């Protein structure tokens, strides 16, 4: 799969694909655990547990009864720290600007809260590149359910056969397959390249910039 393969749309994952906000997530997790009287998770542990959406993550880590309080605490702290502790990953600005210049429709589909995801790109001055940024709380089911993908496709006005999904996790690969999209995996998040390869993406990129050779 080389060159322009009739790709008119690209849907990106967010954390680990376009941005690094793990420090902000860690600080918010730390605040949650301290307020609940628990020893905080280590930074590397926090990186590994995120990805399916906070509701499910907190349910698995803390039990269902603690979820509402944990979510409230997380939102409050994350709102305080995410602008300072979030930055674009390498190649992202160049890739987005280039695809935008090629009239490729773009969207973000993430299990991060949608409100924070949109606020991040507004803060970075890059929301103009996306037809829609859809996240946790915007649809009824998070990834790997394909609902976010279908929602994004509708907003982008493109067909799924002309669209690819780009992500850094096994969940992203599963999501794209569930939606019937080609998927480009990039090992820039918290999933090892060999684990991405085992999930059988359409293409595995060495770096995000390589995406431009396919579109």
C-alpha atoms as a PDB file:
ATOM      1  CA  UNK A   1       0.000   0.000   0.000  1.00  0.00           C
ATOM      2  CA  UNK A   2       2.018   2.914  -1.307  1.00  0.00           C
ATOM      3  CA  UNK A   3       1.108   6.267  -2.726  1.00  0.00           C
ATOM      4  CA  UNK A   4      -2.350   7.822  -2.718  1.00  0.00           C
ATOM      5  CA  UNK A   5      -4.743   4.942  -2.213  1.00  0.00           C
ATOM      6  CA  UNK A   6      -7.890   7.038  -2.634  1.00  0.00           C
ATOM      7  CA  UNK A   7      -7.536   8.260   0.937  1.00  0.00           C
ATOM      8  CA  UNK A   8      -9.790  11.257   1.472  1.00  0.00           C
ATOM      9  CA  UNK A   9     -10.058  10.995   5.245  1.00  0.00           C
ATOM     10  CA  UNK A  10      -7.867  10.225   8.238  1.00  0.00           C
ATOM     11  CA  UNK A  11      -9.137   9.575  11.762  1.00  0.00           C
ATOM     12  CA  UNK A  12      -6.503   9.812  14.474  1.00  0.00           C
ATOM     13  CA  UNK A  13      -6.322   8.517  17.999  1.00  0.00           C
ATOM     14  CA  UNK A  14      -5.100  11.188  20.426  1.00  0.00           C
ATOM     15  CA  UNK A  15      -2.892  10.169  23.391  1.00  0.00           C
ATOM     16  CA  UNK A  16       0.278   8.494  22.190  1.00  0.00           C
ATOM     17  CA  UNK A  17      -0.550   9.227  18.553  1.00  0.00           C
ATOM     18  CA  UNK A  18      -0.809  13.020  18.318  1.00  0.00           C
ATOM     19  CA  UNK A  19      -0.047  14.214  21.834  1.00  0.00           C
ATOM     20  CA  UNK A  20       1.835  13.288  24.990  1.00  0.00           C
ATOM     21  CA  UNK A  21      -0.305  14.155  27.994  1.00  0.00           C
ATOM     22  CA  UNK A  22       0.821  11.326  30.233  1.00  0.00           C
ATOM     23  CA  UNK A  23       2.304  13.727  32.791  1.00  0.00           C
ATOM     24  CA  UNK A  24      -1.034  15.512  33.153  1.00  0.00           C
ATOM     25  CA  UNK A  25      -2.856  12.186  33.428  1.00  0.00           C
ATOM     26  CA  UNK A  26      -0.384  11.007  36.066  1.00  0.00           C
ATOM     27  CA  UNK A  27      -0.832  14.173  38.145  1.00  0.00           C
ATOM     28  CA  UNK A  28      -4.620  13.815  37.998  1.00  0.00           C
ATOM     29  CA  UNK A  29      -4.431  10.125  38.956  1.00  0.00           C
ATOM     30  CA  UNK A  30      -2.088  11.014  41.824  1.00  0.00           C
ATOM     31  CA  UNK A  31      -4.595  13.571  43.106  1.00  0.00           C
ATOM     32  CA  UNK A  32      -7.437  11.035  42.913  1.00  0.00           C
ATOM     33  CA  UNK A  33      -5.530   8.398  44.868  1.00  0.00           C
ATOM     34  CA  UNK A  34      -4.303  10.833  47.511  1.00  0.00           C
ATOM     35  CA  UNK A  35      -7.809  12.194  48.056  1.00  0.00           C
ATOM     36  CA  UNK A  36      -9.099   8.638  48.444  1.00  0.00           C
ATOM     37  CA  UNK A  37      -6.356   7.901  50.994  1.00  0.00           C
ATOM     38  CA  UNK A  38      -4.535   5.475  48.710  1.00  0.00           C
ATOM     39  CA  UNK A  39      -0.858   5.307  47.672  1.00  0.00           C
ATOM     40  CA  UNK A  40      -0.586   6.819  44.149  1.00  0.00           C
ATOM     41  CA  UNK A  41       0.244   4.673  41.145  1.00  0.00           C
ATOM     42  CA  UNK A  42       3.725   4.999  39.714  1.00  0.00           C
ATOM     43  CA  UNK A  43       4.069   7.070  36.537  1.00  0.00           C
ATOM     44  CA  UNK A  44       4.830   4.040  34.344  1.00  0.00           C
ATOM     45  CA  UNK A  45       1.887   2.129  35.785  1.00  0.00           C
ATOM     46  CA  UNK A  46      -0.413   5.067  35.084  1.00  0.00           C
ATOM     47  CA  UNK A  47       0.734   5.151  31.451  1.00  0.00           C
ATOM     48  CA  UNK A  48      -0.168   1.501  31.022  1.00  0.00           C
ATOM     49  CA  UNK A  49      -3.632   1.555  32.568  1.00  0.00           C
ATOM     50  CA  UNK A  50      -5.096   4.375  30.485  1.00  0.00           C
ATOM     51  CA  UNK A  51      -6.715   3.832  27.117  1.00  0.00           C
ATOM     52  CA  UNK A  52     -10.199   2.392  27.540  1.00  0.00           C
ATOM     53  CA  UNK A  53     -11.809   5.444  29.105  1.00  0.00           C
ATOM     54  CA  UNK A  54     -11.658   6.583  32.701  1.00  0.00           C
ATOM     55  CA  UNK A  55     -14.985   5.137  33.784  1.00  0.00           C
ATOM     56  CA  UNK A  56     -13.857   1.610  32.974  1.00  0.00           C
ATOM     57  CA  UNK A  57     -10.319   2.215  34.217  1.00  0.00           C
ATOM     58  CA  UNK A  58     -11.431   3.471  37.633  1.00  0.00           C
ATOM     59  CA  UNK A  59     -14.003   0.682  37.904  1.00  0.00           C
ATOM     60  CA  UNK A  60     -11.256  -1.901  37.384  1.00  0.00           C
ATOM     61  CA  UNK A  61      -8.762  -0.167  39.685  1.00  0.00           C
ATOM     62  CA  UNK A  62     -10.950   1.146  42.491  1.00  0.00           C
ATOM     63  CA  UNK A  63     -14.293  -0.625  42.281  1.00  0.00           C
ATOM     64  CA  UNK A  64     -17.628   0.638  41.033  1.00  0.00           C
ATOM     65  CA  UNK A  65     -18.535   2.530  44.212  1.00  0.00           C
ATOM     66  CA  UNK A  66     -15.501   4.814  43.908  1.00  0.00           C
ATOM     67  CA  UNK A  67     -16.008   5.720  40.235  1.00  0.00           C
ATOM     68  CA  UNK A  68     -18.158   8.882  40.623  1.00  0.00           C
ATOM     69  CA  UNK A  69     -15.817  10.425  43.209  1.00  0.00           C
ATOM     70  CA  UNK A  70     -12.728   9.423  41.244  1.00  0.00           C
ATOM     71  CA  UNK A  71     -14.087  10.950  38.031  1.00  0.00           C
ATOM     72  CA  UNK A  72     -14.950  14.211  39.798  1.00  0.00           C
ATOM     73  CA  UNK A  73     -11.506  14.450  41.359  1.00  0.00           C
ATOM     74  CA  UNK A  74      -9.770  13.566  38.092  1.00  0.00           C
ATOM     75  CA  UNK A  75     -11.662  16.160  36.039  1.00  0.00           C
ATOM     76  CA  UNK A  76     -10.928  18.901  38.555  1.00  0.00           C
ATOM     77  CA  UNK A  77      -7.182  18.231  38.701  1.00  0.00           C
ATOM     78  CA  UNK A  78      -6.766  17.492  34.989  1.00  0.00           C
ATOM     79  CA  UNK A  79      -8.435  20.790  34.137  1.00  0.00           C
ATOM     80  CA  UNK A  80      -5.778  22.554  36.239  1.00  0.00           C
ATOM     81  CA  UNK A  81      -2.754  20.820  34.707  1.00  0.00           C
ATOM     82  CA  UNK A  82      -3.463  19.622  31.168  1.00  0.00           C
ATOM     83  CA  UNK A  83      -2.462  22.791  29.316  1.00  0.00           C
ATOM     84  CA  UNK A  84       0.938  22.929  31.015  1.00  0.00           C
ATOM     85  CA  UNK A  85       1.680  19.222  30.708  1.00  0.00           C
ATOM     86  CA  UNK A  86       0.487  18.373  27.188  1.00  0.00           C
ATOM     87  CA  UNK A  87       2.601  18.666  24.042  1.00  0.00           C
ATOM     88  CA  UNK A  88       2.501  17.500  20.443  1.00  0.00           C
ATOM     89  CA  UNK A  89       4.482  14.411  19.563  1.00  0.00           C
ATOM     90  CA  UNK A  90       7.196  14.643  16.873  1.00  0.00           C
ATOM     91  CA  UNK A  91       6.024  15.109  13.261  1.00  0.00           C
ATOM     92  CA  UNK A  92       2.425  15.879  14.245  1.00  0.00           C
ATOM     93  CA  UNK A  93       2.272  19.512  13.208  1.00  0.00           C
ATOM     94  CA  UNK A  94       3.935  18.783   9.849  1.00  0.00           C
ATOM     95  CA  UNK A  95       1.653  15.825   9.141  1.00  0.00           C
ATOM     96  CA  UNK A  96      -1.541  17.722  10.000  1.00  0.00           C
ATOM     97  CA  UNK A  97      -0.513  20.781   8.004  1.00  0.00           C
ATOM     98  CA  UNK A  98       0.460  18.674   4.989  1.00  0.00           C
ATOM     99  CA  UNK A  99      -2.735  16.616   4.977  1.00  0.00           C
ATOM    100  CA  UNK A 100      -4.788  19.784   5.433  1.00  0.00           C
ATOM    101  CA  UNK A 101      -3.005  21.251   2.424  1.00  0.00           C
ATOM    102  CA  UNK A 102      -3.927  18.143   0.425  1.00  0.00           C
ATOM    103  CA  UNK A 103      -7.615  18.635   1.310  1.00  0.00           C
ATOM    104  CA  UNK A 104      -7.739  15.429   3.337  1.00  0.00           C
ATOM    105  CA  UNK A 105     -10.583  15.440   5.873  1.00  0.00           C
ATOM    106  CA  UNK A 106      -9.373  14.733   9.419  1.00  0.00           C
ATOM    107  CA  UNK A 107     -10.932  13.815  12.748  1.00  0.00           C
ATOM    108  CA  UNK A 108      -9.917  12.604  16.204  1.00  0.00           C
ATOM    109  CA  UNK A 109     -11.542   9.627  17.934  1.00  0.00           C
ATOM    110  CA  UNK A 110     -10.285   9.131  21.475  1.00  0.00           C
ATOM    111  CA  UNK A 111     -11.270   7.533  24.767  1.00  0.00           C
ATOM    112  CA  UNK A 112     -10.098  10.716  26.502  1.00  0.00           C
ATOM    113  CA  UNK A 113     -12.976  12.949  27.578  1.00  0.00           C
ATOM    114  CA  UNK A 114     -14.205  14.793  24.501  1.00  0.00           C
ATOM    115  CA  UNK A 115     -14.353  18.129  26.314  1.00  0.00           C
ATOM    116  CA  UNK A 116     -10.663  17.935  27.267  1.00  0.00           C
ATOM    117  CA  UNK A 117      -9.663  16.672  23.824  1.00  0.00           C
ATOM    118  CA  UNK A 118     -11.250  19.685  22.141  1.00  0.00           C
ATOM    119  CA  UNK A 119      -9.779  22.045  24.741  1.00  0.00           C
ATOM    120  CA  UNK A 120      -6.282  20.698  24.036  1.00  0.00           C
ATOM    121  CA  UNK A 121      -6.450  21.526  20.328  1.00  0.00           C
ATOM    122  CA  UNK A 122      -8.047  24.884  21.032  1.00  0.00           C
ATOM    123  CA  UNK A 123      -5.138  25.632  23.384  1.00  0.00           C
ATOM    124  CA  UNK A 124      -2.660  24.528  20.708  1.00  0.00           C
ATOM    125  CA  UNK A 125      -4.472  26.585  18.050  1.00  0.00           C
ATOM    126  CA  UNK A 126      -4.974  23.502  15.876  1.00  0.00           C
ATOM    127  CA  UNK A 127      -8.689  22.741  16.089  1.00  0.00           C
ATOM    128  CA  UNK A 128      -9.111  24.092  12.540  1.00  0.00           C
ATOM    129  CA  UNK A 129      -7.562  20.924  11.110  1.00  0.00           C
ATOM    130  CA  UNK A 130     -10.364  18.640  12.279  1.00  0.00           C
ATOM    131  CA  UNK A 131     -13.909  18.189  11.065  1.00  0.00           C
ATOM    132  CA  UNK A 132     -14.720  16.758  14.498  1.00  0.00           C
ATOM    133  CA  UNK A 133     -12.968  15.724  17.718  1.00  0.00           C
ATOM    134  CA  UNK A 134     -15.026  12.983  19.359  1.00  0.00           C
ATOM    135  CA  UNK A 135     -14.260  11.425  22.716  1.00  0.00           C
ATOM    136  CA  UNK A 136     -15.559   9.855  25.904  1.00  0.00           C
ATOM    137  CA  UNK A 137     -18.956  11.313  26.733  1.00  0.00           C
ATOM    138  CA  UNK A 138     -19.816  12.227  23.133  1.00  0.00           C
ATOM    139  CA  UNK A 139     -21.172   8.808  22.113  1.00  0.00           C
ATOM    140  CA  UNK A 140     -22.678   5.900  24.018  1.00  0.00           C
ATOM    141  CA  UNK A 141     -19.768   3.447  23.568  1.00  0.00           C
ATOM    142  CA  UNK A 142     -15.994   4.017  23.688  1.00  0.00           C
ATOM    143  CA  UNK A 143     -13.402   2.316  21.499  1.00  0.00           C
ATOM    144  CA  UNK A 144     -13.009  -0.519  20.519  1.00  0.00           C
ATOM    145  CA  UNK A 145     -16.717  -0.173  19.743  1.00  0.00           C
ATOM    146  CA  UNK A 146     -16.787   1.506  16.292  1.00  0.00           C
ATOM    147  CA  UNK A 147     -19.446   4.090  17.194  1.00  0.00           C
ATOM    148  CA  UNK A 148     -16.904   6.943  17.377  1.00  0.00           C
ATOM    149  CA  UNK A 149     -15.616   6.050  13.914  1.00  0.00           C
ATOM    150  CA  UNK A 150     -19.075   6.081  12.375  1.00  0.00           C
ATOM    151  CA  UNK A 151     -19.847   9.381  14.099  1.00  0.00           C
ATOM    152  CA  UNK A 152     -16.612  10.910  12.783  1.00  0.00           C
ATOM    153  CA  UNK A 153     -17.209   9.639   9.245  1.00  0.00           C
ATOM    154  CA  UNK A 154     -20.606  11.327   9.239  1.00  0.00           C
ATOM    155  CA  UNK A 155     -19.114  14.646  10.326  1.00  0.00           C
ATOM    156  CA  UNK A 156     -16.251  14.354   7.827  1.00  0.00           C
ATOM    157  CA  UNK A 157     -18.522  13.552   4.898  1.00  0.00           C
ATOM    158  CA  UNK A 158     -16.293  10.736   3.625  1.00  0.00           C
ATOM    159  CA  UNK A 159     -16.801   7.042   2.940  1.00  0.00           C
ATOM    160  CA  UNK A 160     -15.121   4.468   5.164  1.00  0.00           C
ATOM    161  CA  UNK A 161     -13.471   2.848   2.129  1.00  0.00           C
ATOM    162  CA  UNK A 162     -11.685   6.168   1.504  1.00  0.00           C
ATOM    163  CA  UNK A 163     -10.657   6.623   5.145  1.00  0.00           C
ATOM    164  CA  UNK A 164      -7.865   5.253   7.323  1.00  0.00           C
ATOM    165  CA  UNK A 165      -7.465   5.157  11.078  1.00  0.00           C
ATOM    166  CA  UNK A 166      -4.145   5.992  12.750  1.00  0.00           C
ATOM    167  CA  UNK A 167      -3.419   4.902  16.312  1.00  0.00           C
ATOM    168  CA  UNK A 168      -0.781   3.682  18.744  1.00  0.00           C
ATOM    169  CA  UNK A 169      -2.549   0.853  20.577  1.00  0.00           C
ATOM    170  CA  UNK A 170      -4.076  -2.565  20.133  1.00  0.00           C
ATOM    171  CA  UNK A 171      -7.434  -0.988  21.026  1.00  0.00           C
ATOM    172  CA  UNK A 172      -7.031   1.367  18.060  1.00  0.00           C
ATOM    173  CA  UNK A 173      -6.326  -1.526  15.710  1.00  0.00           C
ATOM    174  CA  UNK A 174      -9.363  -3.403  17.033  1.00  0.00           C
ATOM    175  CA  UNK A 175     -11.523  -0.296  16.655  1.00  0.00           C
ATOM    176  CA  UNK A 176     -10.549   0.223  13.022  1.00  0.00           C
ATOM    177  CA  UNK A 177     -11.160  -3.437  12.208  1.00  0.00           C
ATOM    178  CA  UNK A 178     -14.537  -3.322  13.930  1.00  0.00           C
ATOM    179  CA  UNK A 179     -15.437  -0.334  11.746  1.00  0.00           C
ATOM    180  CA  UNK A 180     -14.033  -1.887   8.563  1.00  0.00           C
ATOM    181  CA  UNK A 181     -11.261   0.701   8.129  1.00  0.00           C
ATOM    182  CA  UNK A 182      -7.655   0.270   7.119  1.00  0.00           C
ATOM    183  CA  UNK A 183      -5.442   1.001  10.103  1.00  0.00           C
ATOM    184  CA  UNK A 184      -1.960   2.469  10.402  1.00  0.00           C
ATOM    185  CA  UNK A 185      -0.256   1.700  13.700  1.00  0.00           C
ATOM    186  CA  UNK A 186       2.520   3.908  15.031  1.00  0.00           C
ATOM    187  CA  UNK A 187       4.698   2.848  18.007  1.00  0.00           C
ATOM    188  CA  UNK A 188       4.783   6.273  19.676  1.00  0.00           C
ATOM    189  CA  UNK A 189       2.572   5.523  22.685  1.00  0.00           C
ATOM    190  CA  UNK A 190       2.711   2.931  25.439  1.00  0.00           C
ATOM    191  CA  UNK A 191       2.347  -0.187  23.264  1.00  0.00           C
ATOM    192  CA  UNK A 192       5.442  -2.034  22.071  1.00  0.00           C
ATOM    193  CA  UNK A 193       5.934  -2.427  18.333  1.00  0.00           C
ATOM    194  CA  UNK A 194       5.812  -6.233  18.565  1.00  0.00           C
ATOM    195  CA  UNK A 195       2.428  -6.063  20.295  1.00  0.00           C
ATOM    196  CA  UNK A 196       1.129  -3.791  17.542  1.00  0.00           C
ATOM    197  CA  UNK A 197       2.443  -6.210  14.920  1.00  0.00           C
ATOM    198  CA  UNK A 198       0.649  -9.132  16.594  1.00  0.00           C
ATOM    199  CA  UNK A 199      -2.641  -7.249  16.255  1.00  0.00           C
ATOM    200  CA  UNK A 200      -2.127  -7.200  12.465  1.00  0.00           C
ATOM    201  CA  UNK A 201      -2.653  -3.582  11.396  1.00  0.00           C
ATOM    202  CA  UNK A 202      -2.802  -2.802   7.672  1.00  0.00           C
ATOM    203  CA  UNK A 203       0.521  -0.968   7.964  1.00  0.00           C
ATOM    204  CA  UNK A 204       2.889  -0.307  10.853  1.00  0.00           C
ATOM    205  CA  UNK A 205       4.748   2.989  10.577  1.00  0.00           C
ATOM    206  CA  UNK A 206       8.164   3.709  12.031  1.00  0.00           C
ATOM    207  CA  UNK A 207       7.093   7.292  12.728  1.00  0.00           C
ATOM    208  CA  UNK A 208       4.026   9.385  12.045  1.00  0.00           C
ATOM    209  CA  UNK A 209       5.770  11.300   9.244  1.00  0.00           C
ATOM    210  CA  UNK A 210       5.797   8.067   7.195  1.00  0.00           C
ATOM    211  CA  UNK A 211       2.012   8.380   6.889  1.00  0.00           C
ATOM    212  CA  UNK A 212       2.556  11.020   4.210  1.00  0.00           C
ATOM    213  CA  UNK A 213       4.107   8.427   1.869  1.00  0.00           C
ATOM    214  CA  UNK A 214       0.809   6.523   1.801  1.00  0.00           C
ATOM    215  CA  UNK A 215      -1.615   9.401   1.307  1.00  0.00           C
END
